[in-house]
């Protein structure tokens, strides 16, 4: 059997297998949540009312069922791009129209741009339905059509301002630096990611949200005292106007090195008491104390290094293109074509390692919770988590296997039980 046929078979098998696993896990989640909809779990009966529990179940069911449709449609689009020749048709039309007159780089940038824009248009109806129907139905959406269109316009401009130069640089490296181009491309990609960590908080994020310094008062004093006794410093403490888009609440660190800043959603400050906000921040500090952020960056470096090395080998293999429904050109560069195919196909195979990544992420959350209990009041953290679960309509009864495969955070029952044990000790 030829290499092209082997890859086609492997890709088809992985795609069908991942689809079956996704549908099986989601159907388990739907059945499990529906079966427990009419009774609050014993551990939460003193703190969660039945109506809130049922709202969370209904929200989970709505998103899960919609997710099945999105998954099926996404698989169909993937097959359309690859085995059914969609990408080959797009590539041939742009190559014949642009490459003879403007050269390889212009043609390849046009291919990348057209692929991204078409993909975004294909996904747009699902994004709109999720925002203006599901999120709206459960009271989370605060996005107006004007704001949505404004965000879209800003996103296109920012994407073009950043994406086109990065794309051009990558394509230039791929075509101009010889056999080891992938090593240079990996270095440039990592440099871009590190630069983005520094520039995003101060340059890009303010284009979409307003950030104001945390007001003077008892909360700011508690936060500063927590950071001082934990040995942390930040560029500033800010409140973000997340409420203009969503009712969901959050808090996070952003930036890197000296550019780190603490950001609270205004919705979080509206829902939590000062001690609870302090405990949530202590949890985020726990991620930094345990070097979770650094470990994730190192993991990104390692996976991207392996990915670029694999792409460097595949770009020279004609069977890589033909196995996925594309005929490479003999007169024009195929670098953009290889890059798009790689980005389309790799998620199909890496899906099967997602349980391992989710497990590591849940372990990090437990470690951050334990740190928070030693630097703030664990009871405040438990109360904050319970409020956030209820306000965000997170189900208290997820399917255990679905959790093991997908959840990056422990489910409420496991997390609060661990917090109770840590607080007691």
Protein backbone atom coordinates (compact mmCIF):
# COMPACT_ATOMS: atom_id res chain seq x y z
CA UNK A 1 0.00 0.00 0.00
CA UNK A 2 1.36 3.43 -0.96
CA UNK A 3 2.12 6.09 1.63
CA UNK A 4 -0.68 8.25 0.25
CA UNK A 5 -3.27 5.50 0.76
CA UNK A 6 -1.96 4.77 4.25
CA UNK A 7 -2.30 8.39 5.32
CA UNK A 8 -5.80 8.62 3.81
CA UNK A 9 -6.80 5.50 5.74
CA UNK A 10 -5.23 6.77 8.98
CA UNK A 11 -6.88 10.17 8.63
CA UNK A 12 -10.29 8.70 7.85
CA UNK A 13 -10.04 6.21 10.72
CA UNK A 14 -8.94 8.88 13.20
CA UNK A 15 -11.69 11.26 12.06
CA UNK A 16 -14.44 8.64 12.32
CA UNK A 17 -13.03 7.34 15.61
CA UNK A 18 -12.84 10.80 17.18
CA UNK A 19 -16.38 11.57 16.00
CA UNK A 20 -17.72 8.37 17.54
CA UNK A 21 -15.94 9.09 20.83
CA UNK A 22 -17.20 12.70 20.91
CA UNK A 23 -20.79 11.66 20.22
CA UNK A 24 -20.61 8.85 22.77
CA UNK A 25 -19.18 11.08 25.50
CA UNK A 26 -21.64 13.90 24.83
CA UNK A 27 -24.60 11.50 24.80
CA UNK A 28 -23.40 10.16 28.16
CA UNK A 29 -23.21 13.73 29.47
CA UNK A 30 -26.71 14.55 28.21
CA UNK A 31 -28.23 11.41 29.75
CA UNK A 32 -26.41 11.85 33.06
CA UNK A 33 -27.31 15.52 33.49
CA UNK A 34 -30.93 14.93 32.46
CA UNK A 35 -31.27 11.99 34.84
CA UNK A 36 -30.13 14.13 37.82
CA UNK A 37 -31.97 17.30 36.82
CA UNK A 38 -34.78 17.04 39.37
CA UNK A 39 -32.71 16.54 42.51
CA UNK A 40 -29.92 18.66 43.98
CA UNK A 41 -26.93 16.47 44.97
CA UNK A 42 -26.82 15.72 48.68
CA UNK A 43 -23.64 17.74 49.26
CA UNK A 44 -25.29 20.90 47.90
CA UNK A 45 -28.82 20.72 49.27
CA UNK A 46 -28.15 23.29 51.96
CA UNK A 47 -26.64 25.83 49.58
CA UNK A 48 -28.20 25.34 46.10
CA UNK A 49 -31.92 25.64 45.40
CA UNK A 50 -33.60 23.26 42.98
CA UNK A 51 -34.46 26.01 40.49
CA UNK A 52 -30.77 27.00 40.15
CA UNK A 53 -29.76 23.35 39.79
CA UNK A 54 -32.34 22.83 37.04
CA UNK A 55 -31.26 26.00 35.23
CA UNK A 56 -27.66 24.74 35.20
CA UNK A 57 -28.82 21.37 33.88
CA UNK A 58 -30.87 22.98 31.12
CA UNK A 59 -27.97 25.23 30.13
CA UNK A 60 -25.61 22.25 29.97
CA UNK A 61 -28.09 20.23 27.93
CA UNK A 62 -28.66 23.07 25.48
CA UNK A 63 -24.94 23.61 24.94
CA UNK A 64 -24.24 19.88 24.69
CA UNK A 65 -26.91 19.23 22.09
CA UNK A 66 -25.85 22.25 20.09
CA UNK A 67 -22.26 21.03 20.40
CA UNK A 68 -23.21 17.77 18.70
CA UNK A 69 -24.46 19.70 15.69
CA UNK A 70 -21.32 21.87 15.62
CA UNK A 71 -19.10 18.78 15.84
CA UNK A 72 -20.88 16.98 13.01
CA UNK A 73 -20.86 20.06 10.80
CA UNK A 74 -17.18 20.71 11.54
CA UNK A 75 -16.30 17.16 10.50
CA UNK A 76 -18.25 17.61 7.26
CA UNK A 77 -16.41 20.88 6.54
CA UNK A 78 -13.06 19.17 7.23
CA UNK A 79 -13.87 16.41 4.76
CA UNK A 80 -15.00 19.06 2.30
CA UNK A 81 -11.73 20.93 2.57
CA UNK A 82 -9.61 17.79 2.24
CA UNK A 83 -10.89 14.55 0.70
CA UNK A 84 -13.64 16.23 -1.35
CA UNK A 85 -11.23 18.72 -2.88
CA UNK A 86 -12.36 22.08 -1.48
CA UNK A 87 -8.86 23.25 -0.58
CA UNK A 88 -7.49 21.95 -3.88
CA UNK A 89 -10.07 23.99 -5.82
CA UNK A 90 -9.39 27.16 -3.79
CA UNK A 91 -5.65 26.70 -4.16
CA UNK A 92 -5.76 26.13 -7.92
CA UNK A 93 -7.97 29.14 -8.57
CA UNK A 94 -5.83 31.54 -6.52
CA UNK A 95 -2.59 30.11 -7.85
CA UNK A 96 -3.64 30.54 -11.49
CA UNK A 97 -4.99 34.05 -10.88
CA UNK A 98 -2.26 35.51 -8.67
CA UNK A 99 1.02 33.61 -8.86
CA UNK A 100 1.93 34.36 -12.52
CA UNK A 101 1.42 38.10 -12.06
CA UNK A 102 2.45 38.78 -8.43
CA UNK A 103 4.67 35.88 -7.44
CA UNK A 104 4.67 33.08 -4.90
CA UNK A 105 4.47 35.14 -1.71
CA UNK A 106 1.41 37.13 -2.79
CA UNK A 107 -0.36 33.97 -3.95
CA UNK A 108 0.38 32.11 -0.73
CA UNK A 109 -0.71 35.01 1.47
CA UNK A 110 -3.91 35.19 -0.54
CA UNK A 111 -4.48 31.47 0.02
CA UNK A 112 -3.98 31.78 3.79
CA UNK A 113 -6.25 34.84 3.95
CA UNK A 114 -8.99 33.28 1.84
CA UNK A 115 -8.92 30.08 3.88
CA UNK A 116 -9.25 31.98 7.17
CA UNK A 117 -12.04 34.23 5.90
CA UNK A 118 -14.04 31.37 4.38
CA UNK A 119 -13.64 29.33 7.56
CA UNK A 120 -14.82 32.27 9.66
CA UNK A 121 -17.88 32.76 7.46
CA UNK A 122 -18.73 29.07 7.70
CA UNK A 123 -18.55 29.20 11.50
CA UNK A 124 -20.38 32.51 11.81
CA UNK A 125 -23.98 31.15 11.96
CA UNK A 126 -23.05 28.81 14.81
CA UNK A 127 -21.31 31.60 16.72
CA UNK A 128 -24.34 33.84 16.29
CA UNK A 129 -26.74 31.13 17.44
CA UNK A 130 -24.61 30.33 20.47
CA UNK A 131 -24.40 33.99 21.48
CA UNK A 132 -27.81 35.38 20.59
CA UNK A 133 -29.93 32.30 21.21
CA UNK A 134 -28.38 30.00 23.82
CA UNK A 135 -26.52 32.60 25.88
CA UNK A 136 -29.44 35.00 25.47
CA UNK A 137 -31.97 32.37 26.56
CA UNK A 138 -30.17 31.77 29.84
CA UNK A 139 -29.55 35.43 30.58
CA UNK A 140 -25.80 35.51 29.94
CA UNK A 141 -25.55 37.48 26.72
CA UNK A 142 -25.26 41.25 27.02
CA UNK A 143 -23.79 41.73 23.58
CA UNK A 144 -25.71 44.06 21.31
CA UNK A 145 -25.61 43.71 17.53
CA UNK A 146 -23.76 47.02 17.30
CA UNK A 147 -21.10 45.83 19.75
CA UNK A 148 -20.86 42.46 18.01
CA UNK A 149 -20.26 44.08 14.63
CA UNK A 150 -17.80 46.53 16.14
CA UNK A 151 -15.87 43.65 17.75
CA UNK A 152 -15.89 41.83 14.42
CA UNK A 153 -14.48 44.84 12.60
CA UNK A 154 -11.77 45.35 15.23
CA UNK A 155 -10.95 41.66 15.14
CA UNK A 156 -10.52 41.72 11.37
CA UNK A 157 -8.26 44.78 11.55
CA UNK A 158 -6.14 43.40 14.38
CA UNK A 159 -6.00 39.99 12.71
CA UNK A 160 -4.82 41.55 9.47
CA UNK A 161 -2.30 43.83 11.19
CA UNK A 162 -0.77 40.90 13.08
CA UNK A 163 -1.59 37.88 10.96
CA UNK A 164 -0.43 39.12 7.56
CA UNK A 165 3.11 40.10 8.67
CA UNK A 166 3.49 36.88 10.69
CA UNK A 167 2.17 34.84 7.78
CA UNK A 168 4.51 36.59 5.36
CA UNK A 169 7.47 36.03 7.68
CA UNK A 170 6.67 32.32 8.09
CA UNK A 171 6.27 31.83 4.33
CA UNK A 172 9.52 33.71 3.66
CA UNK A 173 11.35 31.52 6.17
CA UNK A 174 9.86 28.36 4.67
CA UNK A 175 10.97 29.34 1.18
CA UNK A 176 14.31 31.00 1.86
CA UNK A 177 16.20 29.33 4.71
CA UNK A 178 16.87 25.87 3.31
CA UNK A 179 16.40 22.40 4.73
CA UNK A 180 16.29 23.57 8.35
CA UNK A 181 13.65 26.22 7.73
CA UNK A 182 11.35 24.63 10.32
CA UNK A 183 13.84 25.37 13.11
CA UNK A 184 13.98 29.05 12.17
CA UNK A 185 10.19 29.13 11.84
CA UNK A 186 9.77 27.56 15.26
CA UNK A 187 12.08 30.17 16.79
CA UNK A 188 10.14 33.00 15.14
CA UNK A 189 6.80 31.54 16.28
CA UNK A 190 7.98 31.21 19.88
CA UNK A 191 9.35 34.77 19.84
CA UNK A 192 5.97 35.98 18.60
CA UNK A 193 4.13 34.10 21.36
CA UNK A 194 6.39 35.54 24.07
CA UNK A 195 6.00 39.03 22.63
CA UNK A 196 2.23 38.59 22.59
CA UNK A 197 2.25 37.72 26.31
CA UNK A 198 3.88 41.08 27.00
CA UNK A 199 1.99 43.22 24.48
CA UNK A 200 -1.52 41.76 24.68
CA UNK A 201 -2.49 43.28 28.07
CA UNK A 202 -1.46 46.83 27.17
CA UNK A 203 -1.90 47.02 23.40
CA UNK A 204 -4.54 44.57 22.15
CA UNK A 205 -6.93 43.92 25.06
CA UNK A 206 -7.75 47.63 25.57
CA UNK A 207 -9.05 47.75 21.99
CA UNK A 208 -11.96 45.54 23.05
CA UNK A 209 -12.49 46.29 26.74
CA UNK A 210 -12.08 49.15 29.16
CA UNK A 211 -9.61 48.57 32.02
CA UNK A 212 -9.77 50.81 35.06
CA UNK A 213 -7.56 50.67 38.16
CA UNK A 214 -9.12 48.87 41.10
CA UNK A 215 -10.70 51.51 43.31
CA UNK A 216 -9.11 52.46 46.61
CA UNK A 217 -10.71 50.75 49.58
CA UNK A 218 -10.75 47.63 51.70
CA UNK A 219 -10.72 45.23 48.73
CA UNK A 220 -7.63 46.80 47.21
CA UNK A 221 -5.91 46.75 50.59
CA UNK A 222 -6.72 43.05 51.03
CA UNK A 223 -5.46 42.25 47.56
CA UNK A 224 -2.23 44.18 48.05
CA UNK A 225 -1.66 42.54 51.43
CA UNK A 226 -2.21 39.09 49.92
CA UNK A 227 0.26 39.75 47.14
CA UNK A 228 2.82 41.16 49.55
CA UNK A 229 2.72 38.15 51.90
CA UNK A 230 2.78 35.81 48.89
CA UNK A 231 5.83 37.52 47.43
CA UNK A 232 4.17 38.66 44.19
CA UNK A 233 4.25 41.93 42.32
CA UNK A 234 2.19 43.08 39.37
CA UNK A 235 2.08 46.03 37.01
CA UNK A 236 -1.33 46.96 38.34
CA UNK A 237 -4.74 45.85 39.58
CA UNK A 238 -7.50 46.43 37.06
CA UNK A 239 -11.25 45.98 36.65
CA UNK A 240 -12.49 45.00 33.17
CA UNK A 241 -15.95 45.84 31.87
CA UNK A 242 -16.82 42.22 31.06
CA UNK A 243 -20.47 42.91 31.83
CA UNK A 244 -21.00 44.71 28.52
CA UNK A 245 -20.65 41.38 26.71
CA UNK A 246 -21.57 38.65 29.18
CA UNK A 247 -22.87 37.98 32.67
CA UNK A 248 -20.18 35.33 33.24
CA UNK A 249 -17.62 36.29 35.90
CA UNK A 250 -13.88 35.72 36.01
CA UNK A 251 -10.52 36.94 37.25
CA UNK A 252 -7.11 36.31 35.74
CA UNK A 253 -3.46 37.18 35.54
CA UNK A 254 -2.23 38.38 32.20
CA UNK A 255 1.12 39.36 30.84
CA UNK A 256 4.55 37.93 31.48
CA UNK A 257 7.46 38.85 33.70
CA UNK A 258 7.37 42.47 34.80
CA UNK A 259 4.31 43.09 32.60
CA UNK A 260 2.01 40.92 34.72
CA UNK A 261 -1.26 42.52 35.75
CA UNK A 262 -4.26 41.32 37.74
CA UNK A 263 -7.64 41.70 36.04
CA UNK A 264 -11.03 41.32 37.70
CA UNK A 265 -14.24 41.18 35.70
CA UNK A 266 -16.67 43.78 37.02
CA UNK A 267 -19.24 40.96 37.21
CA UNK A 268 -16.97 39.11 39.64
CA UNK A 269 -16.73 42.09 41.98
CA UNK A 270 -20.52 42.47 41.87
CA UNK A 271 -21.12 38.87 42.93
CA UNK A 272 -18.40 38.12 45.48
CA UNK A 273 -17.58 39.50 48.91
CA UNK A 274 -14.10 40.99 49.47
CA UNK A 275 -12.85 37.87 51.27
CA UNK A 276 -14.09 35.70 48.41
CA UNK A 277 -12.37 37.88 45.82
CA UNK A 278 -9.17 37.62 47.86
CA UNK A 279 -9.46 33.82 47.90
CA UNK A 280 -10.02 33.66 44.12
CA UNK A 281 -6.92 35.79 43.60
CA UNK A 282 -4.97 33.54 45.96
CA UNK A 283 -5.93 30.63 43.72
CA UNK A 284 -4.53 32.47 40.69
CA UNK A 285 -1.35 33.23 42.63
CA UNK A 286 -1.11 29.50 43.32
CA UNK A 287 -0.76 28.86 39.62
CA UNK A 288 2.24 31.18 39.51
CA UNK A 289 3.77 29.82 42.74
CA UNK A 290 3.61 26.26 41.37
CA UNK A 291 4.97 27.51 38.02
CA UNK A 292 1.95 26.19 36.14
CA UNK A 293 2.16 29.05 33.64
CA UNK A 294 5.85 28.37 33.00
CA UNK A 295 5.18 24.65 32.62
CA UNK A 296 2.45 25.33 30.08
CA UNK A 297 4.74 27.62 28.11
CA UNK A 298 7.47 24.94 28.12
CA UNK A 299 4.91 22.36 27.02
CA UNK A 300 3.83 24.69 24.21
CA UNK A 301 7.48 25.05 23.18
CA UNK A 302 7.96 21.27 23.13
CA UNK A 303 4.77 20.45 21.21
CA UNK A 304 5.33 23.25 18.71
CA UNK A 305 8.95 22.12 18.18
CA UNK A 306 7.75 18.61 17.37
CA UNK A 307 5.02 20.03 15.16
CA UNK A 308 7.36 22.23 13.14
CA UNK A 309 9.83 19.36 12.75
CA UNK A 310 7.05 17.09 11.46
CA UNK A 311 5.80 19.81 9.12
CA UNK A 312 9.36 20.33 7.86
CA UNK A 313 9.46 16.69 6.79
CA UNK A 314 5.93 16.53 5.38
CA UNK A 315 6.26 19.57 3.12
CA UNK A 316 8.64 17.60 0.88
CA UNK A 317 6.39 14.50 0.67
CA UNK A 318 4.06 14.56 -2.31
CA UNK A 319 1.91 11.82 -0.74
CA UNK A 320 1.09 14.17 2.17
CA UNK A 321 -0.81 16.44 -0.22
CA UNK A 322 -2.42 13.81 -2.44
CA UNK A 323 -3.57 11.71 0.52
CA UNK A 324 -5.61 14.68 1.72
CA UNK A 325 -7.22 15.58 -1.60
CA UNK A 326 -4.78 18.23 -2.83
CA UNK A 327 -2.52 18.20 -5.86
CA UNK A 328 0.72 20.09 -5.11
CA UNK A 329 2.05 22.50 -7.71
CA UNK A 330 5.25 21.88 -9.63
CA UNK A 331 5.59 25.53 -10.72
CA UNK A 332 4.65 27.39 -7.53
CA UNK A 333 5.55 27.09 -3.85
CA UNK A 334 3.41 24.76 -1.73
CA UNK A 335 4.34 26.13 1.69
CA UNK A 336 0.99 27.77 2.49
CA UNK A 337 -0.82 24.70 1.21
CA UNK A 338 1.23 22.43 3.49
CA UNK A 339 0.66 24.74 6.46
CA UNK A 340 -3.13 24.75 5.98
CA UNK A 341 -3.30 20.97 5.52
CA UNK A 342 -1.21 20.45 8.64
CA UNK A 343 -3.42 22.72 10.74
CA UNK A 344 -6.53 20.93 9.44
CA UNK A 345 -5.31 17.40 10.06
CA UNK A 346 -3.28 17.54 13.28
CA UNK A 347 -6.27 18.21 15.63
CA UNK A 348 -7.89 14.98 14.41
CA UNK A 349 -4.96 12.97 15.78
CA UNK A 350 -4.15 15.07 18.87
CA UNK A 351 -7.76 14.76 20.05
CA UNK A 352 -6.84 11.41 21.58
CA UNK A 353 -4.30 12.95 23.97
CA UNK A 354 -6.82 15.47 25.32
CA UNK A 355 -7.65 13.33 28.41
CA UNK A 356 -4.01 13.51 29.49
CA UNK A 357 -3.89 17.29 29.07
CA UNK A 358 -7.19 17.66 30.94
CA UNK A 359 -5.87 15.49 33.78
CA UNK A 360 -2.76 17.66 34.15
CA UNK A 361 -4.89 20.81 34.14
CA UNK A 362 -7.22 19.47 36.86
CA UNK A 363 -4.23 18.54 38.99
CA UNK A 364 -2.93 22.10 38.63
CA UNK A 365 -6.30 23.43 39.81
CA UNK A 366 -6.17 21.28 42.95
CA UNK A 367 -2.64 22.54 43.66
CA UNK A 368 -3.72 26.16 43.21
CA UNK A 369 -6.69 25.58 45.53
CA UNK A 370 -4.41 24.15 48.19
CA UNK A 371 -2.14 27.19 47.89
CA UNK A 372 -5.16 29.48 48.24
CA UNK A 373 -6.19 27.68 51.44
CA UNK A 374 -2.77 28.39 52.96
CA UNK A 375 -2.78 32.08 52.05
CA UNK A 376 -6.46 32.97 52.36
CA UNK A 377 -9.58 31.47 53.92
CA UNK A 378 -10.49 28.18 52.25
CA UNK A 379 -14.11 28.69 53.26
CA UNK A 380 -14.17 31.93 51.29
CA UNK A 381 -12.79 30.13 48.24
CA UNK A 382 -15.40 27.39 48.59
CA UNK A 383 -18.16 30.00 48.87
CA UNK A 384 -16.81 31.89 45.84
CA UNK A 385 -16.60 28.74 43.73
CA UNK A 386 -20.14 27.77 44.65
CA UNK A 387 -21.42 31.24 43.69
CA UNK A 388 -19.53 31.15 40.40
CA UNK A 389 -20.85 27.68 39.60
CA UNK A 390 -24.38 28.87 40.22
CA UNK A 391 -24.02 32.20 38.43
CA UNK A 392 -22.33 30.56 35.43
CA UNK A 393 -24.94 27.75 35.42
CA UNK A 394 -22.28 25.04 35.66
CA UNK A 395 -23.87 21.66 36.22
CA UNK A 396 -23.24 19.96 39.55
CA UNK A 397 -23.84 16.50 38.05
CA UNK A 398 -21.57 16.00 35.03
CA UNK A 399 -20.92 12.53 33.69
CA UNK A 400 -17.70 11.22 35.35
CA UNK A 401 -16.19 9.92 32.10
CA UNK A 402 -17.01 13.16 30.28
CA UNK A 403 -15.20 14.99 33.09
CA UNK A 404 -12.10 12.81 32.75
CA UNK A 405 -11.94 13.43 29.03
CA UNK A 406 -12.79 17.12 28.74
CA UNK A 407 -12.83 19.05 32.02
CA UNK A 408 -9.83 21.31 32.54
CA UNK A 409 -11.19 22.14 36.04
CA UNK A 410 -12.39 19.60 38.60
CA UNK A 411 -16.18 19.33 38.94
CA UNK A 412 -17.72 21.22 41.84
CA UNK A 413 -18.24 18.16 44.04
CA UNK A 414 -14.62 17.01 43.87
CA UNK A 415 -13.22 20.49 44.20
CA UNK A 416 -15.29 21.52 47.21
CA UNK A 417 -14.59 18.20 48.93
CA UNK A 418 -10.85 18.79 48.51
CA UNK A 419 -11.23 22.35 49.79
CA UNK A 420 -13.13 21.12 52.82
CA UNK A 421 -10.38 18.64 53.64
CA UNK A 422 -7.67 21.28 53.15
CA UNK A 423 -9.51 23.80 55.32
CA UNK A 424 -10.05 21.24 58.07
CA UNK A 425 -6.38 20.30 58.10
